[in-house]
Amino acid sequence: MLAKIQALQALVGAVWMNGATGAILLTGYNPWANFTQNPSGEVAAALNGSIVERLMVHSIRVDVNEAGVLQAQEMVQQSGWDAIVHLGFEDEAKGLKLETMAANKRALHKGKVASAGPELLPTTGDLGAVALNTNNPHELWSRDAGDFFCNEIYYRTLYSVREHRRLRCPGALIPSIFIHVPPLHKMPLQESVTFVRSLLADLIKASGCPAAQPARAVDGLRRWLQIYG
C-alpha cells in the first residue's frame, strides 16, 4: 500500500508539472522465438510515463501469443483512453510501416476474430493529418498487417472501439493505429521513439476534440496504478 501511495504522489507531481489530463494506451511485444530483443517493446517502455499533448502514455508489454493479445484487449476495453496505439516488430523485409487496416482473421485458429464483424476495418486515426504533419523519411504505409498476432490485436481493438462506440469526444472515435517497428540496427531506438511520439501527437491533435478536462487525470493515475502498482 505504501508503495502505491508513493507512486500516486509521484504521478500527481508529474501531472501538475506537465499538465497531463488524460491517457494514451501504448502496447509493445516481449522478445520471442530467436529474437532476444523486441524493438516494439523497447519503444513502448521508453515512452511509458511520458506526456504527449497533455496526455500520459501508459505502456504495456505483452507476450507474442494469444494470451498476450487477450491481455491487450482487456486493457483496451477499459474506459477513458484518448488514443490506442499498438507496436509490433517487423524484419528487414517490411521495416517501419503504419498499418492502415486490419483483417478479421485469427492468428492461430481458423475463423474470424469477430463472427459478425466486417472482413476489414480501417484505422480510426486521421491518416491525412499524420501524412501532413509527420516529417519522417522512414514513414511508409501498409494495408496488410499480416496474418499473425499483430493483425489480430489490431482488429480486436478497432472492432472494440467501433462496437462499443468508444468516443474521445462527441462524434470522434478514439484514434487507434498499429505501427510495425524495424530492427534497431536499421532504425536506432531513439529515432523510433521520436517517430512514435510524433505520431501520437499527430493522432491526438487531429482527433477534433478539445483539450481533455483536468478531472481525467485522476482516472489516468488510477489506471497507471492498476497496471504498475
C-alpha atoms as a PDB file:
ATOM      1  CA  MET A   1       0.000   0.000   0.000  1.00  0.00           C
ATOM      2  CA  LEU A   2       2.830   2.401   0.883  1.00  0.00           C
ATOM      3  CA  ALA A   3       4.439   1.791  -2.489  1.00  0.00           C
ATOM      4  CA  LYS A   4       1.163   2.592  -4.248  1.00  0.00           C
ATOM      5  CA  ILE A   5       0.747   5.802  -2.264  1.00  0.00           C
ATOM      6  CA  GLN A   6       4.284   6.872  -3.134  1.00  0.00           C
ATOM      7  CA  ALA A   7       3.658   6.050  -6.795  1.00  0.00           C
ATOM      8  CA  LEU A   8       0.453   8.080  -6.734  1.00  0.00           C
ATOM      9  CA  GLN A   9       2.247  11.037  -5.166  1.00  0.00           C
ATOM     10  CA  ALA A  10       4.959  10.903  -7.827  1.00  0.00           C
ATOM     11  CA  LEU A  11       2.398  10.727 -10.604  1.00  0.00           C
ATOM     12  CA  VAL A  12       0.362  13.595  -9.208  1.00  0.00           C
ATOM     13  CA  GLY A  13       3.552  15.650  -9.198  1.00  0.00           C
ATOM     14  CA  ALA A  14       4.221  14.714 -12.800  1.00  0.00           C
ATOM     15  CA  VAL A  15       0.690  15.688 -13.782  1.00  0.00           C
ATOM     16  CA  TRP A  16       0.939  19.072 -12.077  1.00  0.00           C
ATOM     17  CA  MET A  17       4.328  19.793 -13.632  1.00  0.00           C
ATOM     18  CA  ASN A  18       3.479  18.638 -17.139  1.00  0.00           C
ATOM     19  CA  GLY A  19      -0.232  19.338 -17.334  1.00  0.00           C
ATOM     20  CA  ALA A  20      -1.320  15.774 -18.167  1.00  0.00           C
ATOM     21  CA  THR A  21      -5.097  15.430 -18.287  1.00  0.00           C
ATOM     22  CA  GLY A  22      -5.749  12.081 -19.982  1.00  0.00           C
ATOM     23  CA  ALA A  23      -4.191   8.850 -21.119  1.00  0.00           C
ATOM     24  CA  ILE A  24      -2.811   7.052 -24.180  1.00  0.00           C
ATOM     25  CA  LEU A  25      -2.528   3.254 -24.255  1.00  0.00           C
ATOM     26  CA  LEU A  26       0.647   2.075 -25.993  1.00  0.00           C
ATOM     27  CA  THR A  27       1.455  -1.623 -26.357  1.00  0.00           C
ATOM     28  CA  GLY A  28       4.583  -3.430 -27.488  1.00  0.00           C
ATOM     29  CA  TYR A  29       5.691  -7.056 -27.548  1.00  0.00           C
ATOM     30  CA  ASN A  30       8.156  -9.035 -25.455  1.00  0.00           C
ATOM     31  CA  PRO A  31      11.022 -10.962 -27.076  1.00  0.00           C
ATOM     32  CA  TRP A  32      10.005 -14.216 -28.722  1.00  0.00           C
ATOM     33  CA  ALA A  33      11.412 -17.185 -30.646  1.00  0.00           C
ATOM     34  CA  ASN A  34      15.053 -16.493 -31.581  1.00  0.00           C
ATOM     35  CA  PHE A  35      14.763 -12.744 -31.038  1.00  0.00           C
ATOM     36  CA  THR A  36      16.355 -11.748 -27.727  1.00  0.00           C
ATOM     37  CA  GLN A  37      15.141  -8.165 -28.103  1.00  0.00           C
ATOM     38  CA  ASN A  38      11.895  -6.802 -29.458  1.00  0.00           C
ATOM     39  CA  PRO A  39      12.102  -3.185 -30.665  1.00  0.00           C
ATOM     40  CA  SER A  40       8.348  -2.685 -30.255  1.00  0.00           C
ATOM     41  CA  GLY A  41       8.577  -3.414 -26.546  1.00  0.00           C
ATOM     42  CA  GLU A  42      11.694  -1.265 -26.173  1.00  0.00           C
ATOM     43  CA  VAL A  43       9.988   1.728 -27.794  1.00  0.00           C
ATOM     44  CA  ALA A  44       6.853   1.274 -25.679  1.00  0.00           C
ATOM     45  CA  ALA A  45       8.920   1.053 -22.489  1.00  0.00           C
ATOM     46  CA  ALA A  46      10.908   4.170 -23.405  1.00  0.00           C
ATOM     47  CA  LEU A  47       7.702   6.203 -23.787  1.00  0.00           C
ATOM     48  CA  ASN A  48       5.976   4.902 -20.658  1.00  0.00           C
ATOM     49  CA  GLY A  49       5.025   7.743 -18.315  1.00  0.00           C
ATOM     50  CA  SER A  50       5.878  10.470 -20.822  1.00  0.00           C
ATOM     51  CA  ILE A  51       3.490  13.317 -21.606  1.00  0.00           C
ATOM     52  CA  VAL A  52       2.252  13.815 -25.169  1.00  0.00           C
ATOM     53  CA  GLU A  53      -0.217  16.606 -25.908  1.00  0.00           C
ATOM     54  CA  ARG A  54      -1.118  16.778 -22.193  1.00  0.00           C
ATOM     55  CA  LEU A  55      -1.810  13.039 -22.108  1.00  0.00           C
ATOM     56  CA  MET A  56       0.156  10.495 -20.099  1.00  0.00           C
ATOM     57  CA  VAL A  57       1.407   7.456 -22.008  1.00  0.00           C
ATOM     58  CA  HIS A  58       0.650   4.105 -20.365  1.00  0.00           C
ATOM     59  CA  SER A  59       2.777   1.376 -21.921  1.00  0.00           C
ATOM     60  CA  ILE A  60       2.394  -2.364 -21.519  1.00  0.00           C
ATOM     61  CA  ARG A  61       4.461  -5.179 -22.991  1.00  0.00           C
ATOM     62  CA  VAL A  62       2.633  -8.380 -23.902  1.00  0.00           C
ATOM     63  CA  ASP A  63       3.768 -11.823 -24.996  1.00  0.00           C
ATOM     64  CA  VAL A  64       3.643 -12.838 -28.637  1.00  0.00           C
ATOM     65  CA  ASN A  65       0.819 -15.333 -28.183  1.00  0.00           C
ATOM     66  CA  GLU A  66      -2.929 -15.492 -27.761  1.00  0.00           C
ATOM     67  CA  ALA A  67      -2.708 -14.708 -24.040  1.00  0.00           C
ATOM     68  CA  GLY A  68      -0.800 -11.527 -24.847  1.00  0.00           C
ATOM     69  CA  VAL A  69      -3.404 -10.466 -27.393  1.00  0.00           C
ATOM     70  CA  LEU A  70      -6.201 -11.039 -24.896  1.00  0.00           C
ATOM     71  CA  GLN A  71      -4.281  -9.122 -22.220  1.00  0.00           C
ATOM     72  CA  ALA A  72      -4.072  -6.155 -24.568  1.00  0.00           C
ATOM     73  CA  GLN A  73      -7.763  -6.459 -25.399  1.00  0.00           C
ATOM     74  CA  GLU A  74      -8.609  -6.357 -21.699  1.00  0.00           C
ATOM     75  CA  MET A  75      -6.674  -3.106 -21.373  1.00  0.00           C
ATOM     76  CA  VAL A  76      -8.357  -1.658 -24.469  1.00  0.00           C
ATOM     77  CA  GLN A  77     -11.771  -2.344 -23.008  1.00  0.00           C
ATOM     78  CA  GLN A  78     -11.071  -0.148 -20.016  1.00  0.00           C
ATOM     79  CA  SER A  79     -12.719   3.225 -20.485  1.00  0.00           C
ATOM     80  CA  GLY A  80     -11.031   6.590 -20.672  1.00  0.00           C
ATOM     81  CA  TRP A  81      -8.313   6.174 -23.301  1.00  0.00           C
ATOM     82  CA  ASP A  82      -7.684   9.146 -25.590  1.00  0.00           C
ATOM     83  CA  ALA A  83      -5.750   7.048 -28.126  1.00  0.00           C
ATOM     84  CA  ILE A  84      -4.693   3.423 -28.521  1.00  0.00           C
ATOM     85  CA  VAL A  85      -1.524   2.571 -30.431  1.00  0.00           C
ATOM     86  CA  HIS A  86      -0.068  -0.907 -30.888  1.00  0.00           C
ATOM     87  CA  LEU A  87       3.560  -1.527 -31.827  1.00  0.00           C
ATOM     88  CA  GLY A  88       4.928  -4.676 -33.435  1.00  0.00           C
ATOM     89  CA  PHE A  89       8.259  -5.884 -34.765  1.00  0.00           C
ATOM     90  CA  GLU A  90       8.975  -6.493 -38.431  1.00  0.00           C
ATOM     91  CA  ASP A  91      12.156  -7.741 -40.041  1.00  0.00           C
ATOM     92  CA  GLU A  92      14.193  -6.226 -42.855  1.00  0.00           C
ATOM     93  CA  ALA A  93      11.601  -7.100 -45.471  1.00  0.00           C
ATOM     94  CA  LYS A  94       8.983  -4.698 -44.141  1.00  0.00           C
ATOM     95  CA  GLY A  95      10.696  -2.150 -41.956  1.00  0.00           C
ATOM     96  CA  LEU A  96       8.687   0.647 -40.354  1.00  0.00           C
ATOM     97  CA  LYS A  97       5.085   0.585 -41.533  1.00  0.00           C
ATOM     98  CA  LEU A  98       1.899   2.318 -40.461  1.00  0.00           C
ATOM     99  CA  GLU A  99      -0.853  -0.241 -40.877  1.00  0.00           C
ATOM    100  CA  THR A 100      -3.974   1.343 -42.339  1.00  0.00           C
ATOM    101  CA  MET A 101      -6.327  -1.588 -41.695  1.00  0.00           C
ATOM    102  CA  ALA A 102      -6.758  -4.992 -40.058  1.00  0.00           C
ATOM    103  CA  ALA A 103      -8.362  -8.205 -41.331  1.00  0.00           C
ATOM    104  CA  ASN A 104     -10.946 -10.254 -39.496  1.00  0.00           C
ATOM    105  CA  LYS A 105      -8.865 -13.402 -39.022  1.00  0.00           C
ATOM    106  CA  ARG A 106      -7.347 -15.087 -36.001  1.00  0.00           C
ATOM    107  CA  ALA A 107      -3.665 -15.865 -35.759  1.00  0.00           C
ATOM    108  CA  LEU A 108      -3.717 -19.463 -34.559  1.00  0.00           C
ATOM    109  CA  HIS A 109      -7.228 -20.726 -35.182  1.00  0.00           C
ATOM    110  CA  LYS A 110      -9.127 -20.742 -38.427  1.00  0.00           C
ATOM    111  CA  GLY A 111     -12.051 -18.361 -38.491  1.00  0.00           C
ATOM    112  CA  LYS A 112     -12.819 -14.775 -37.662  1.00  0.00           C
ATOM    113  CA  VAL A 113     -11.882 -12.645 -34.706  1.00  0.00           C
ATOM    114  CA  ALA A 114     -15.489 -11.375 -34.615  1.00  0.00           C
ATOM    115  CA  SER A 115     -18.104 -13.598 -36.233  1.00  0.00           C
ATOM    116  CA  ALA A 116     -20.354 -10.655 -37.099  1.00  0.00           C
ATOM    117  CA  GLY A 117     -17.543  -8.250 -37.919  1.00  0.00           C
ATOM    118  CA  PRO A 118     -16.619  -6.967 -41.399  1.00  0.00           C
ATOM    119  CA  GLU A 119     -13.714  -8.538 -43.267  1.00  0.00           C
ATOM    120  CA  LEU A 120     -11.630  -5.367 -42.971  1.00  0.00           C
ATOM    121  CA  LEU A 121     -11.587  -2.488 -40.513  1.00  0.00           C
ATOM    122  CA  PRO A 122      -9.679   0.738 -41.222  1.00  0.00           C
ATOM    123  CA  THR A 123      -7.750   2.682 -38.630  1.00  0.00           C
ATOM    124  CA  THR A 124      -9.765   5.196 -36.619  1.00  0.00           C
ATOM    125  CA  GLY A 125      -6.868   7.653 -36.763  1.00  0.00           C
ATOM    126  CA  ASP A 126      -6.709  10.578 -39.183  1.00  0.00           C
ATOM    127  CA  LEU A 127      -4.114   9.387 -41.687  1.00  0.00           C
ATOM    128  CA  GLY A 128      -4.347  12.614 -43.640  1.00  0.00           C
ATOM    129  CA  ALA A 129      -3.127  14.590 -40.655  1.00  0.00           C
ATOM    130  CA  VAL A 130      -0.383  12.081 -39.973  1.00  0.00           C
ATOM    131  CA  ALA A 131       0.849  12.299 -43.568  1.00  0.00           C
ATOM    132  CA  LEU A 132       0.744  16.095 -43.421  1.00  0.00           C
ATOM    133  CA  ASN A 133       2.424  16.593 -40.072  1.00  0.00           C
ATOM    134  CA  THR A 134       4.860  13.710 -39.681  1.00  0.00           C
ATOM    135  CA  ASN A 135       8.114  14.560 -41.438  1.00  0.00           C
ATOM    136  CA  ASN A 136       9.956  11.258 -41.235  1.00  0.00           C
ATOM    137  CA  PRO A 137      11.796   9.699 -44.186  1.00  0.00           C
ATOM    138  CA  HIS A 138      11.069   6.212 -42.846  1.00  0.00           C
ATOM    139  CA  GLU A 139       7.297   6.641 -42.875  1.00  0.00           C
ATOM    140  CA  LEU A 140       5.607   4.014 -45.040  1.00  0.00           C
ATOM    141  CA  TRP A 141       2.014   2.902 -45.428  1.00  0.00           C
ATOM    142  CA  SER A 142       0.758  -0.671 -45.424  1.00  0.00           C
ATOM    143  CA  ARG A 143      -2.680  -2.212 -45.916  1.00  0.00           C
ATOM    144  CA  ASP A 144      -1.614  -5.686 -44.817  1.00  0.00           C
ATOM    145  CA  ALA A 145      -0.883  -6.158 -41.119  1.00  0.00           C
ATOM    146  CA  GLY A 146      -0.054  -9.814 -41.749  1.00  0.00           C
ATOM    147  CA  ASP A 147      -1.807 -12.924 -40.509  1.00  0.00           C
ATOM    148  CA  PHE A 148      -0.199 -13.266 -37.083  1.00  0.00           C
ATOM    149  CA  PHE A 149      -0.873 -11.655 -33.703  1.00  0.00           C
ATOM    150  CA  CYS A 150      -0.096  -8.133 -34.930  1.00  0.00           C
ATOM    151  CA  ASN A 151      -3.131  -8.221 -37.179  1.00  0.00           C
ATOM    152  CA  GLU A 152      -5.329  -9.877 -34.566  1.00  0.00           C
ATOM    153  CA  ILE A 153      -4.530  -7.430 -31.776  1.00  0.00           C
ATOM    154  CA  TYR A 154      -5.193  -4.560 -34.179  1.00  0.00           C
ATOM    155  CA  TYR A 155      -8.519  -5.938 -35.399  1.00  0.00           C
ATOM    156  CA  ARG A 156      -9.702  -6.618 -31.852  1.00  0.00           C
ATOM    157  CA  THR A 157      -9.014  -3.007 -30.909  1.00  0.00           C
ATOM    158  CA  LEU A 158     -10.641  -1.472 -33.979  1.00  0.00           C
ATOM    159  CA  TYR A 159     -13.676  -3.706 -33.557  1.00  0.00           C
ATOM    160  CA  SER A 160     -13.997  -2.873 -29.854  1.00  0.00           C
ATOM    161  CA  VAL A 161     -13.711   0.878 -30.478  1.00  0.00           C
ATOM    162  CA  ARG A 162     -16.484   0.738 -33.081  1.00  0.00           C
ATOM    163  CA  GLU A 163     -18.711  -1.891 -31.464  1.00  0.00           C
ATOM    164  CA  HIS A 164     -18.782  -0.083 -28.125  1.00  0.00           C
ATOM    165  CA  ARG A 165     -18.671   3.372 -29.711  1.00  0.00           C
ATOM    166  CA  ARG A 166     -15.628   4.407 -27.738  1.00  0.00           C
ATOM    167  CA  LEU A 167     -15.541   8.156 -28.277  1.00  0.00           C
ATOM    168  CA  ARG A 168     -12.771  10.541 -27.378  1.00  0.00           C
ATOM    169  CA  CYS A 169     -15.328  13.341 -27.610  1.00  0.00           C
ATOM    170  CA  PRO A 170     -18.806  13.595 -29.206  1.00  0.00           C
ATOM    171  CA  GLY A 171     -18.630  12.453 -32.809  1.00  0.00           C
ATOM    172  CA  ALA A 172     -14.990  11.315 -32.726  1.00  0.00           C
ATOM    173  CA  LEU A 173     -13.916   7.704 -32.196  1.00  0.00           C
ATOM    174  CA  ILE A 174     -10.774   7.033 -30.181  1.00  0.00           C
ATOM    175  CA  PRO A 175      -7.897   7.147 -32.688  1.00  0.00           C
ATOM    176  CA  SER A 176      -6.114   3.811 -32.964  1.00  0.00           C
ATOM    177  CA  ILE A 177      -3.346   2.601 -35.256  1.00  0.00           C
ATOM    178  CA  PHE A 178      -0.749  -0.182 -35.490  1.00  0.00           C
ATOM    179  CA  ILE A 179       2.906   0.562 -36.233  1.00  0.00           C
ATOM    180  CA  HIS A 180       5.441  -2.041 -37.285  1.00  0.00           C
ATOM    181  CA  VAL A 181       8.876  -1.082 -35.945  1.00  0.00           C
ATOM    182  CA  PRO A 182      12.059  -2.200 -37.768  1.00  0.00           C
ATOM    183  CA  PRO A 183      15.154  -3.797 -36.189  1.00  0.00           C
ATOM    184  CA  LEU A 184      17.223  -1.487 -34.012  1.00  0.00           C
ATOM    185  CA  HIS A 185      20.258  -1.748 -36.283  1.00  0.00           C
ATOM    186  CA  LYS A 186      18.106  -0.414 -39.109  1.00  0.00           C
ATOM    187  CA  MET A 187      16.396   2.325 -37.111  1.00  0.00           C
ATOM    188  CA  PRO A 188      18.030   3.192 -33.733  1.00  0.00           C
ATOM    189  CA  LEU A 189      15.865   3.112 -30.634  1.00  0.00           C
ATOM    190  CA  GLN A 190      15.821   6.871 -30.078  1.00  0.00           C
ATOM    191  CA  GLU A 191      14.841   7.501 -33.672  1.00  0.00           C
ATOM    192  CA  SER A 192      11.958   5.036 -33.379  1.00  0.00           C
ATOM    193  CA  VAL A 193      10.906   6.594 -30.068  1.00  0.00           C
ATOM    194  CA  THR A 194      10.925  10.079 -31.599  1.00  0.00           C
ATOM    195  CA  PHE A 195       8.872   8.906 -34.566  1.00  0.00           C
ATOM    196  CA  VAL A 196       6.240   7.136 -32.442  1.00  0.00           C
ATOM    197  CA  ARG A 197       5.989  10.093 -30.081  1.00  0.00           C
ATOM    198  CA  SER A 198       5.446  12.405 -33.068  1.00  0.00           C
ATOM    199  CA  LEU A 199       2.773  10.097 -34.410  1.00  0.00           C
ATOM    200  CA  LEU A 200       0.968  10.018 -31.056  1.00  0.00           C
ATOM    201  CA  ALA A 201       0.898  13.813 -31.044  1.00  0.00           C
ATOM    202  CA  ASP A 202      -0.450  13.909 -34.601  1.00  0.00           C
ATOM    203  CA  LEU A 203      -3.229  11.439 -33.803  1.00  0.00           C
ATOM    204  CA  ILE A 204      -4.333  13.455 -30.784  1.00  0.00           C
ATOM    205  CA  LYS A 205      -4.186  16.850 -32.486  1.00  0.00           C
ATOM    206  CA  ALA A 206      -6.164  15.529 -35.467  1.00  0.00           C
ATOM    207  CA  SER A 207      -8.929  13.939 -33.390  1.00  0.00           C
ATOM    208  CA  GLY A 208     -11.033  17.099 -33.491  1.00  0.00           C
ATOM    209  CA  CYS A 209     -11.541  17.104 -29.740  1.00  0.00           C
ATOM    210  CA  PRO A 210     -10.970  19.959 -27.302  1.00  0.00           C
ATOM    211  CA  ALA A 211      -8.301  19.666 -24.644  1.00  0.00           C
ATOM    212  CA  ALA A 212      -9.058  16.977 -22.065  1.00  0.00           C
ATOM    213  CA  GLN A 213     -10.614  18.039 -18.787  1.00  0.00           C
ATOM    214  CA  PRO A 214      -8.393  18.090 -15.670  1.00  0.00           C
ATOM    215  CA  ALA A 215     -10.650  15.556 -13.936  1.00  0.00           C
ATOM    216  CA  ARG A 216      -9.483  12.907 -16.404  1.00  0.00           C
ATOM    217  CA  ALA A 217      -6.044  12.996 -14.831  1.00  0.00           C
ATOM    218  CA  VAL A 218      -7.428  11.203 -11.772  1.00  0.00           C
ATOM    219  CA  ASP A 219      -8.682   8.320 -13.910  1.00  0.00           C
ATOM    220  CA  GLY A 220      -5.332   8.183 -15.657  1.00  0.00           C
ATOM    221  CA  LEU A 221      -3.467   7.931 -12.360  1.00  0.00           C
ATOM    222  CA  ARG A 222      -5.745   5.201 -11.063  1.00  0.00           C
ATOM    223  CA  ARG A 223      -5.278   3.229 -14.275  1.00  0.00           C
ATOM    224  CA  TRP A 224      -1.498   3.562 -14.032  1.00  0.00           C
ATOM    225  CA  LEU A 225      -1.582   2.189 -10.501  1.00  0.00           C
ATOM    226  CA  GLN A 226      -3.776  -0.722 -11.587  1.00  0.00           C
ATOM    227  CA  ILE A 227      -1.192  -1.620 -14.218  1.00  0.00           C
ATOM    228  CA  TYR A 228       2.029  -0.946 -12.363  1.00  0.00           C
ATOM    229  CA  GLY A 229       1.027  -0.804  -8.711  1.00  0.00           C
END
